[in-house]
PDB file of all heavy atoms in Angstrom:
ATOM      1  N   ASP A   1      78.973  26.891  77.339  1.00  0.00           N
ATOM      2  CA  ASP A   1      78.270  27.522  76.224  1.00  0.00           C
ATOM      3  C   ASP A   1      77.735  26.417  75.321  1.00  0.00           C
ATOM      4  O   ASP A   1      78.504  25.732  74.642  1.00  0.00           O
ATOM      5  CB  ASP A   1      79.230  28.426  75.450  1.00  0.00           C
ATOM      6  CG  ASP A   1      78.544  29.158  74.300  1.00  0.00           C
ATOM      7  OD1 ASP A   1      77.389  28.823  73.962  1.00  0.00           O
ATOM      8  OD2 ASP A   1      79.179  30.064  73.727  1.00  0.00           O
ATOM      9  N   PHE A   2      76.427  26.236  75.315  1.00  0.00           N
ATOM     10  CA  PHE A   2      75.844  25.121  74.572  1.00  0.00           C
ATOM     11  C   PHE A   2      75.878  25.321  73.059  1.00  0.00           C
ATOM     12  O   PHE A   2      75.591  24.394  72.313  1.00  0.00           O
ATOM     13  CB  PHE A   2      74.427  24.833  75.073  1.00  0.00           C
ATOM     14  CG  PHE A   2      74.414  23.907  76.253  1.00  0.00           C
ATOM     15  CD1 PHE A   2      74.899  24.331  77.480  1.00  0.00           C
ATOM     16  CD2 PHE A   2      73.962  22.615  76.140  1.00  0.00           C
ATOM     17  CE1 PHE A   2      74.934  23.482  78.576  1.00  0.00           C
ATOM     18  CE2 PHE A   2      73.981  21.749  77.221  1.00  0.00           C
ATOM     19  CZ  PHE A   2      74.471  22.183  78.445  1.00  0.00           C
ATOM     20  N   CYS A   3      76.259  26.506  72.610  1.00  0.00           N
ATOM     21  CA  CYS A   3      76.511  26.699  71.183  1.00  0.00           C
ATOM     22  C   CYS A   3      77.846  26.070  70.787  1.00  0.00           C
ATOM     23  O   CYS A   3      78.069  25.776  69.605  1.00  0.00           O
ATOM     24  CB  CYS A   3      76.538  28.195  70.840  1.00  0.00           C
ATOM     25  SG  CYS A   3      74.920  28.968  70.884  1.00  0.00           S
ATOM     26  N   HIS A   4      78.703  25.871  71.794  1.00  0.00           N
ATOM     27  CA  HIS A   4      80.041  25.344  71.532  1.00  0.00           C
ATOM     28  C   HIS A   4      80.382  24.283  72.579  1.00  0.00           C
ATOM     29  O   HIS A   4      81.495  24.257  73.102  1.00  0.00           O
ATOM     30  CB  HIS A   4      81.078  26.473  71.579  1.00  0.00           C
ATOM     31  CG  HIS A   4      80.746  27.636  70.709  1.00  0.00           C
ATOM     32  ND1 HIS A   4      80.898  27.618  69.344  1.00  0.00           N
ATOM     33  CD2 HIS A   4      80.236  28.849  71.017  1.00  0.00           C
ATOM     34  CE1 HIS A   4      80.522  28.785  68.838  1.00  0.00           C
ATOM     35  NE2 HIS A   4      80.106  29.547  69.829  1.00  0.00           N
ATOM     36  N   LEU A   5      79.436  23.408  72.849  1.00  0.00           N
ATOM     37  CA  LEU A   5      79.595  22.482  73.968  1.00  0.00           C
ATOM     38  C   LEU A   5      80.787  21.553  73.780  1.00  0.00           C
ATOM     39  O   LEU A   5      81.570  21.337  74.707  1.00  0.00           O
ATOM     40  CB  LEU A   5      78.309  21.681  74.172  1.00  0.00           C
ATOM     41  CG  LEU A   5      78.254  20.778  75.404  1.00  0.00           C
ATOM     42  CD1 LEU A   5      78.585  21.539  76.672  1.00  0.00           C
ATOM     43  CD2 LEU A   5      76.872  20.137  75.524  1.00  0.00           C
ATOM     44  N   GLU A   6      80.950  20.993  72.593  1.00  0.00           N
ATOM     45  CA  GLU A   6      82.077  20.085  72.362  1.00  0.00           C
ATOM     46  C   GLU A   6      83.410  20.805  72.576  1.00  0.00           C
ATOM     47  O   GLU A   6      84.312  20.275  73.231  1.00  0.00           O
ATOM     48  CB  GLU A   6      82.034  19.507  70.954  1.00  0.00           C
ATOM     49  CG  GLU A   6      83.199  18.547  70.679  1.00  0.00           C
ATOM     50  CD  GLU A   6      83.138  17.902  69.302  1.00  0.00           C
ATOM     51  OE1 GLU A   6      82.176  18.167  68.551  1.00  0.00           O
ATOM     52  OE2 GLU A   6      84.061  17.123  68.981  1.00  0.00           O
ATOM     53  N   GLN A   7      83.519  22.038  72.059  1.00  0.00           N
ATOM     54  CA  GLN A   7      84.764  22.790  72.223  1.00  0.00           C
ATOM     55  C   GLN A   7      85.049  23.084  73.687  1.00  0.00           C
ATOM     56  O   GLN A   7      86.197  23.015  74.140  1.00  0.00           O
ATOM     57  CB  GLN A   7      84.702  24.099  71.434  1.00  0.00           C
ATOM     58  CG  GLN A   7      84.668  23.915  69.918  1.00  0.00           C
ATOM     59  CD  GLN A   7      83.247  23.948  69.363  1.00  0.00           C
ATOM     60  OE1 GLN A   7      82.351  23.281  69.903  1.00  0.00           O
ATOM     61  NE2 GLN A   7      83.034  24.723  68.311  1.00  0.00           N
ATOM     62  N   ASP A   8      84.000  23.428  74.448  1.00  0.00           N
ATOM     63  CA  ASP A   8      84.184  23.716  75.870  1.00  0.00           C
ATOM     64  C   ASP A   8      84.652  22.466  76.628  1.00  0.00           C
ATOM     65  O   ASP A   8      85.523  22.545  77.503  1.00  0.00           O
ATOM     66  CB  ASP A   8      82.887  24.238  76.483  1.00  0.00           C
ATOM     67  CG  ASP A   8      82.636  25.709  76.159  1.00  0.00           C
ATOM     68  OD1 ASP A   8      83.360  26.260  75.313  1.00  0.00           O
ATOM     69  OD2 ASP A   8      81.706  26.291  76.749  1.00  0.00           O
ATOM     70  N   ILE A   9      84.067  21.334  76.298  1.00  0.00           N
ATOM     71  CA  ILE A   9      84.469  20.082  76.942  1.00  0.00           C
ATOM     72  C   ILE A   9      85.923  19.761  76.606  1.00  0.00           C
ATOM     73  O   ILE A   9      86.717  19.384  77.477  1.00  0.00           O
ATOM     74  CB  ILE A   9      83.534  18.936  76.525  1.00  0.00           C
ATOM     75  CG1 ILE A   9      82.133  19.148  77.122  1.00  0.00           C
ATOM     76  CG2 ILE A   9      84.100  17.579  76.972  1.00  0.00           C
ATOM     77  CD1 ILE A   9      81.079  18.200  76.586  1.00  0.00           C
ATOM     78  N   LYS A  10      86.283  19.911  75.350  1.00  0.00           N
ATOM     79  CA  LYS A  10      87.657  19.641  74.925  1.00  0.00           C
ATOM     80  C   LYS A  10      88.641  20.579  75.629  1.00  0.00           C
ATOM     81  O   LYS A  10      89.749  20.181  75.987  1.00  0.00           O
ATOM     82  CB  LYS A  10      87.780  19.791  73.411  1.00  0.00           C
ATOM     83  CG  LYS A  10      87.056  18.723  72.605  1.00  0.00           C
ATOM     84  CD  LYS A  10      87.683  17.361  72.779  1.00  0.00           C
ATOM     85  CE  LYS A  10      87.047  16.327  71.856  1.00  0.00           C
ATOM     86  NZ  LYS A  10      87.581  14.958  72.107  1.00  0.00           N
ATOM     87  N   ALA A  11      88.234  21.843  75.823  1.00  0.00           N
ATOM     88  CA  ALA A  11      89.100  22.805  76.503  1.00  0.00           C
ATOM     89  C   ALA A  11      89.330  22.394  77.954  1.00  0.00           C
ATOM     90  O   ALA A  11      90.453  22.522  78.485  1.00  0.00           O
ATOM     91  CB  ALA A  11      88.499  24.201  76.429  1.00  0.00           C
ATOM     92  N   ALA A  12      88.282  21.905  78.625  1.00  0.00           N
ATOM     93  CA  ALA A  12      88.425  21.432  80.005  1.00  0.00           C
ATOM     94  C   ALA A  12      89.322  20.203  80.061  1.00  0.00           C
ATOM     95  O   ALA A  12      90.174  20.072  80.949  1.00  0.00           O
ATOM     96  CB  ALA A  12      87.054  21.123  80.593  1.00  0.00           C
ATOM     97  N   GLU A  13      89.148  19.329  79.087  1.00  0.00           N
ATOM     98  CA  GLU A  13      89.965  18.117  79.020  1.00  0.00           C
ATOM     99  C   GLU A  13      91.430  18.471  78.758  1.00  0.00           C
ATOM    100  O   GLU A  13      92.344  17.873  79.343  1.00  0.00           O
ATOM    101  CB  GLU A  13      89.421  17.214  77.918  1.00  0.00           C
ATOM    102  CG  GLU A  13      89.879  15.784  77.982  1.00  0.00           C
ATOM    103  CD  GLU A  13      89.104  14.867  77.052  1.00  0.00           C
ATOM    104  OE1 GLU A  13      88.318  15.364  76.209  1.00  0.00           O
ATOM    105  OE2 GLU A  13      89.297  13.650  77.168  1.00  0.00           O
ATOM    106  N   GLU A  14      91.653  19.445  77.916  1.00  0.00           N
ATOM    107  CA  GLU A  14      93.014  19.878  77.616  1.00  0.00           C
ATOM    108  C   GLU A  14      93.710  20.433  78.851  1.00  0.00           C
ATOM    109  O   GLU A  14      94.931  20.284  79.028  1.00  0.00           O
ATOM    110  CB  GLU A  14      92.990  20.957  76.523  1.00  0.00           C
ATOM    111  CG  GLU A  14      94.365  21.405  76.052  1.00  0.00           C
ATOM    112  CD  GLU A  14      94.299  22.461  74.970  1.00  0.00           C
ATOM    113  OE1 GLU A  14      93.233  22.604  74.324  1.00  0.00           O
ATOM    114  OE2 GLU A  14      95.328  23.152  74.758  1.00  0.00           O
ATOM    115  N   GLY A  15      92.940  21.043  79.726  1.00  0.00           N
ATOM    116  CA  GLY A  15      93.499  21.561  80.967  1.00  0.00           C
ATOM    117  C   GLY A  15      93.857  20.484  81.966  1.00  0.00           C
ATOM    118  O   GLY A  15      94.562  20.746  82.943  1.00  0.00           O
ATOM    119  N   GLY A  16      93.352  19.272  81.745  1.00  0.00           N
ATOM    120  CA  GLY A  16      93.681  18.153  82.620  1.00  0.00           C
ATOM    121  C   GLY A  16      92.512  17.562  83.374  1.00  0.00           C
ATOM    122  O   GLY A  16      92.693  16.619  84.158  1.00  0.00           O
ATOM    123  N   ALA A  17      91.305  18.067  83.168  1.00  0.00           N
ATOM    124  CA  ALA A  17      90.132  17.511  83.847  1.00  0.00           C
ATOM    125  C   ALA A  17      89.841  16.103  83.332  1.00  0.00           C
ATOM    126  O   ALA A  17      89.852  15.874  82.121  1.00  0.00           O
ATOM    127  CB  ALA A  17      88.921  18.409  83.636  1.00  0.00           C
ATOM    128  N   LYS A  18      89.568  15.192  84.247  1.00  0.00           N
ATOM    129  CA  LYS A  18      89.274  13.800  83.894  1.00  0.00           C
ATOM    130  C   LYS A  18      87.792  13.466  84.027  1.00  0.00           C
ATOM    131  O   LYS A  18      87.327  12.481  83.462  1.00  0.00           O
ATOM    132  CB  LYS A  18      90.079  12.847  84.784  1.00  0.00           C
ATOM    133  CG  LYS A  18      91.582  13.093  84.795  1.00  0.00           C
ATOM    134  CD  LYS A  18      92.207  12.844  83.443  1.00  0.00           C
ATOM    135  CE  LYS A  18      93.727  12.992  83.516  1.00  0.00           C
ATOM    136  NZ  LYS A  18      94.363  12.897  82.181  1.00  0.00           N
ATOM    137  N   TRP A  19      87.087  14.262  84.825  1.00  0.00           N
ATOM    138  CA  TRP A  19      85.658  14.049  85.053  1.00  0.00           C
ATOM    139  C   TRP A  19      84.869  15.187  84.426  1.00  0.00           C
ATOM    140  O   TRP A  19      85.388  16.292  84.223  1.00  0.00           O
ATOM    141  CB  TRP A  19      85.338  14.016  86.549  1.00  0.00           C
ATOM    142  CG  TRP A  19      85.726  12.762  87.278  1.00  0.00           C
ATOM    143  CD1 TRP A  19      86.757  11.920  86.989  1.00  0.00           C
ATOM    144  CD2 TRP A  19      85.083  12.228  88.447  1.00  0.00           C
ATOM    145  NE1 TRP A  19      86.808  10.900  87.905  1.00  0.00           N
ATOM    146  CE2 TRP A  19      85.787  11.059  88.806  1.00  0.00           C
ATOM    147  CE3 TRP A  19      83.993  12.627  89.223  1.00  0.00           C
ATOM    148  CZ2 TRP A  19      85.427  10.285  89.908  1.00  0.00           C
ATOM    149  CZ3 TRP A  19      83.635  11.868  90.328  1.00  0.00           C
ATOM    150  CH2 TRP A  19      84.345  10.694  90.661  1.00  0.00           C
ATOM    151  N   LEU A  20      83.587  14.913  84.152  1.00  0.00           N
ATOM    152  CA  LEU A  20      82.658  15.921  83.657  1.00  0.00           C
ATOM    153  C   LEU A  20      81.356  15.781  84.437  1.00  0.00           C
ATOM    154  O   LEU A  20      80.763  14.699  84.490  1.00  0.00           O
ATOM    155  CB  LEU A  20      82.398  15.716  82.160  1.00  0.00           C
ATOM    156  CG  LEU A  20      81.816  16.905  81.397  1.00  0.00           C
ATOM    157  CD1 LEU A  20      82.803  18.061  81.344  1.00  0.00           C
ATOM    158  CD2 LEU A  20      81.436  16.483  79.971  1.00  0.00           C
ATOM    159  N   HIS A  21      80.915  16.870  85.053  1.00  0.00           N
ATOM    160  CA  HIS A  21      79.704  16.856  85.872  1.00  0.00           C
ATOM    161  C   HIS A  21      78.504  17.237  85.009  1.00  0.00           C
ATOM    162  O   HIS A  21      78.500  18.287  84.361  1.00  0.00           O
ATOM    163  CB  HIS A  21      79.848  17.841  87.034  1.00  0.00           C
ATOM    164  CG  HIS A  21      78.825  17.672  88.106  1.00  0.00           C
ATOM    165  ND1 HIS A  21      78.888  16.671  89.046  1.00  0.00           N
ATOM    166  CD2 HIS A  21      77.704  18.384  88.390  1.00  0.00           C
ATOM    167  CE1 HIS A  21      77.851  16.776  89.869  1.00  0.00           C
ATOM    168  NE2 HIS A  21      77.123  17.803  89.488  1.00  0.00           N
ATOM    169  N   ILE A  22      77.491  16.372  85.012  1.00  0.00           N
ATOM    170  CA  ILE A  22      76.326  16.539  84.146  1.00  0.00           C
ATOM    171  C   ILE A  22      75.086  16.679  85.015  1.00  0.00           C
ATOM    172  O   ILE A  22      74.593  15.705  85.593  1.00  0.00           O
ATOM    173  CB  ILE A  22      76.199  15.339  83.182  1.00  0.00           C
ATOM    174  CG1 ILE A  22      77.476  15.216  82.330  1.00  0.00           C
ATOM    175  CG2 ILE A  22      74.969  15.482  82.294  1.00  0.00           C
ATOM    176  CD1 ILE A  22      77.548  13.945  81.503  1.00  0.00           C
ATOM    177  N   ASP A  23      74.580  17.913  85.135  1.00  0.00           N
ATOM    178  CA  ASP A  23      73.431  18.204  85.995  1.00  0.00           C
ATOM    179  C   ASP A  23      72.124  18.037  85.228  1.00  0.00           C
ATOM    180  O   ASP A  23      71.810  18.830  84.335  1.00  0.00           O
ATOM    181  CB  ASP A  23      73.516  19.638  86.519  1.00  0.00           C
ATOM    182  CG  ASP A  23      74.544  19.794  87.623  1.00  0.00           C
ATOM    183  OD1 ASP A  23      74.500  19.005  88.586  1.00  0.00           O
ATOM    184  OD2 ASP A  23      75.391  20.698  87.523  1.00  0.00           O
ATOM    185  N   VAL A  24      71.349  17.046  85.600  1.00  0.00           N
ATOM    186  CA  VAL A  24      70.059  16.778  84.963  1.00  0.00           C
ATOM    187  C   VAL A  24      68.953  17.238  85.903  1.00  0.00           C
ATOM    188  O   VAL A  24      68.817  16.721  87.011  1.00  0.00           O
ATOM    189  CB  VAL A  24      69.902  15.278  84.642  1.00  0.00           C
ATOM    190  CG1 VAL A  24      68.557  15.008  83.970  1.00  0.00           C
ATOM    191  CG2 VAL A  24      71.058  14.802  83.750  1.00  0.00           C
ATOM    192  N   MET A  25      68.173  18.235  85.468  1.00  0.00           N
ATOM    193  CA  MET A  25      67.124  18.822  86.305  1.00  0.00           C
ATOM    194  C   MET A  25      65.762  18.651  85.625  1.00  0.00           C
ATOM    195  O   MET A  25      65.639  18.862  84.420  1.00  0.00           O
ATOM    196  CB  MET A  25      67.394  20.312  86.523  1.00  0.00           C
ATOM    197  CG  MET A  25      68.763  20.638  87.079  1.00  0.00           C
ATOM    198  SD  MET A  25      68.979  22.429  87.212  1.00  0.00           S
ATOM    199  CE  MET A  25      70.689  22.517  87.704  1.00  0.00           C
ATOM    200  N   ASP A  26      64.752  18.310  86.422  1.00  0.00           N
ATOM    201  CA  ASP A  26      63.457  17.945  85.835  1.00  0.00           C
ATOM    202  C   ASP A  26      62.358  18.988  85.996  1.00  0.00           C
ATOM    203  O   ASP A  26      61.226  18.791  85.562  1.00  0.00           O
ATOM    204  CB  ASP A  26      62.973  16.624  86.431  1.00  0.00           C
ATOM    205  CG  ASP A  26      62.675  16.697  87.931  1.00  0.00           C
ATOM    206  OD1 ASP A  26      62.915  17.762  88.547  1.00  0.00           O
ATOM    207  OD2 ASP A  26      62.196  15.687  88.488  1.00  0.00           O
ATOM    208  N   GLY A  27      62.643  20.123  86.670  1.00  0.00           N
ATOM    209  CA  GLY A  27      61.606  21.121  86.883  1.00  0.00           C
ATOM    210  C   GLY A  27      60.627  20.757  87.986  1.00  0.00           C
ATOM    211  O   GLY A  27      59.668  21.485  88.225  1.00  0.00           O
ATOM    212  N   MET A  28      60.872  19.648  88.661  1.00  0.00           N
ATOM    213  CA  MET A  28      60.009  19.209  89.756  1.00  0.00           C
ATOM    214  C   MET A  28      60.788  19.132  91.071  1.00  0.00           C
ATOM    215  O   MET A  28      60.459  19.816  92.026  1.00  0.00           O
ATOM    216  CB  MET A  28      59.385  17.848  89.425  1.00  0.00           C
ATOM    217  CG  MET A  28      58.478  17.883  88.206  1.00  0.00           C
ATOM    218  SD  MET A  28      57.854  16.251  87.757  1.00  0.00           S
ATOM    219  CE  MET A  28      56.844  15.863  89.196  1.00  0.00           C
ATOM    220  N   PHE A  29      61.843  18.334  91.092  1.00  0.00           N
ATOM    221  CA  PHE A  29      62.677  18.291  92.293  1.00  0.00           C
ATOM    222  C   PHE A  29      63.362  19.631  92.516  1.00  0.00           C
ATOM    223  O   PHE A  29      63.541  20.078  93.648  1.00  0.00           O
ATOM    224  CB  PHE A  29      63.708  17.166  92.182  1.00  0.00           C
ATOM    225  CG  PHE A  29      64.608  17.083  93.385  1.00  0.00           C
ATOM    226  CD1 PHE A  29      64.093  16.711  94.620  1.00  0.00           C
ATOM    227  CD2 PHE A  29      65.955  17.390  93.288  1.00  0.00           C
ATOM    228  CE1 PHE A  29      64.907  16.658  95.748  1.00  0.00           C
ATOM    229  CE2 PHE A  29      66.779  17.332  94.400  1.00  0.00           C
ATOM    230  CZ  PHE A  29      66.254  16.962  95.638  1.00  0.00           C
ATOM    231  N   VAL A  30      63.781  20.255  91.431  1.00  0.00           N
ATOM    232  CA  VAL A  30      64.287  21.629  91.454  1.00  0.00           C
ATOM    233  C   VAL A  30      63.466  22.436  90.459  1.00  0.00           C
ATOM    234  O   VAL A  30      62.896  21.878  89.528  1.00  0.00           O
ATOM    235  CB  VAL A  30      65.789  21.698  91.102  1.00  0.00           C
ATOM    236  CG1 VAL A  30      66.616  21.018  92.170  1.00  0.00           C
ATOM    237  CG2 VAL A  30      66.066  21.078  89.738  1.00  0.00           C
ATOM    238  N   PRO A  31      63.374  23.743  90.620  1.00  0.00           N
ATOM    239  CA  PRO A  31      62.525  24.539  89.733  1.00  0.00           C
ATOM    240  C   PRO A  31      62.971  24.544  88.272  1.00  0.00           C
ATOM    241  O   PRO A  31      62.145  24.653  87.371  1.00  0.00           O
ATOM    242  CB  PRO A  31      62.610  25.956  90.326  1.00  0.00           C
ATOM    243  CG  PRO A  31      63.055  25.769  91.736  1.00  0.00           C
ATOM    244  CD  PRO A  31      63.929  24.562  91.723  1.00  0.00           C
ATOM    245  N   ALA A  32      64.269  24.443  88.054  1.00  0.00           N
ATOM    246  CA  ALA A  32      64.799  24.584  86.693  1.00  0.00           C
ATOM    247  C   ALA A  32      64.707  23.278  85.912  1.00  0.00           C
ATOM    248  O   ALA A  32      64.629  22.185  86.481  1.00  0.00           O
ATOM    249  CB  ALA A  32      66.244  25.047  86.740  1.00  0.00           C
ATOM    250  N   ILE A  33      64.728  23.409  84.588  1.00  0.00           N
ATOM    251  CA  ILE A  33      64.868  22.280  83.675  1.00  0.00           C
ATOM    252  C   ILE A  33      66.183  22.498  82.926  1.00  0.00           C
ATOM    253  O   ILE A  33      66.423  23.569  82.372  1.00  0.00           O
ATOM    254  CB  ILE A  33      63.700  22.204  82.690  1.00  0.00           C
ATOM    255  CG1 ILE A  33      62.381  21.963  83.440  1.00  0.00           C
ATOM    256  CG2 ILE A  33      63.933  21.101  81.653  1.00  0.00           C
ATOM    257  CD1 ILE A  33      61.152  22.027  82.560  1.00  0.00           C
TER     258      ILE A  33
END
Protein backbone atom coordinates (compact mmCIF):
# COMPACT_ATOMS: atom_id res chain seq x y z
CA ASP A 1 0.00 0.00 0.00
CA PHE A 2 1.85 3.07 -1.24
CA CYS A 3 -0.12 5.28 1.14
CA HIS A 4 1.66 3.42 3.94
CA LEU A 5 4.78 2.12 2.22
CA GLU A 6 7.17 2.63 5.13
CA GLN A 7 4.79 0.87 7.54
CA ASP A 8 4.35 -2.06 5.14
CA ILE A 9 8.11 -2.44 4.76
CA LYS A 10 8.60 -2.31 8.52
CA ALA A 11 5.88 -4.95 8.97
CA ALA A 12 7.66 -7.29 6.53
CA GLU A 13 10.95 -6.66 8.30
CA GLU A 14 9.35 -7.37 11.66
CA GLY A 15 8.23 -10.73 10.34
CA GLY A 16 11.84 -11.59 9.57
CA ALA A 17 12.26 -10.68 5.89
CA LYS A 18 15.82 -9.60 5.07
CA TRP A 19 15.34 -8.76 1.39
CA LEU A 20 12.97 -6.38 -0.39
CA HIS A 21 12.04 -6.89 -4.05
CA ILE A 22 11.73 -3.64 -6.02
CA ASP A 23 10.04 -4.01 -9.42
CA VAL A 24 10.92 -1.15 -11.77
CA MET A 25 8.78 -1.13 -14.94
CA ASP A 26 9.17 1.31 -17.82
CA GLY A 27 5.99 0.81 -19.89
CA MET A 28 8.11 -0.43 -22.80
CA PHE A 29 9.68 -3.76 -21.88
CA VAL A 30 6.45 -4.49 -20.01
CA PRO A 31 3.15 -2.67 -20.55
CA ALA A 32 2.91 -1.30 -17.02
CA ILE A 33 4.75 1.61 -15.41
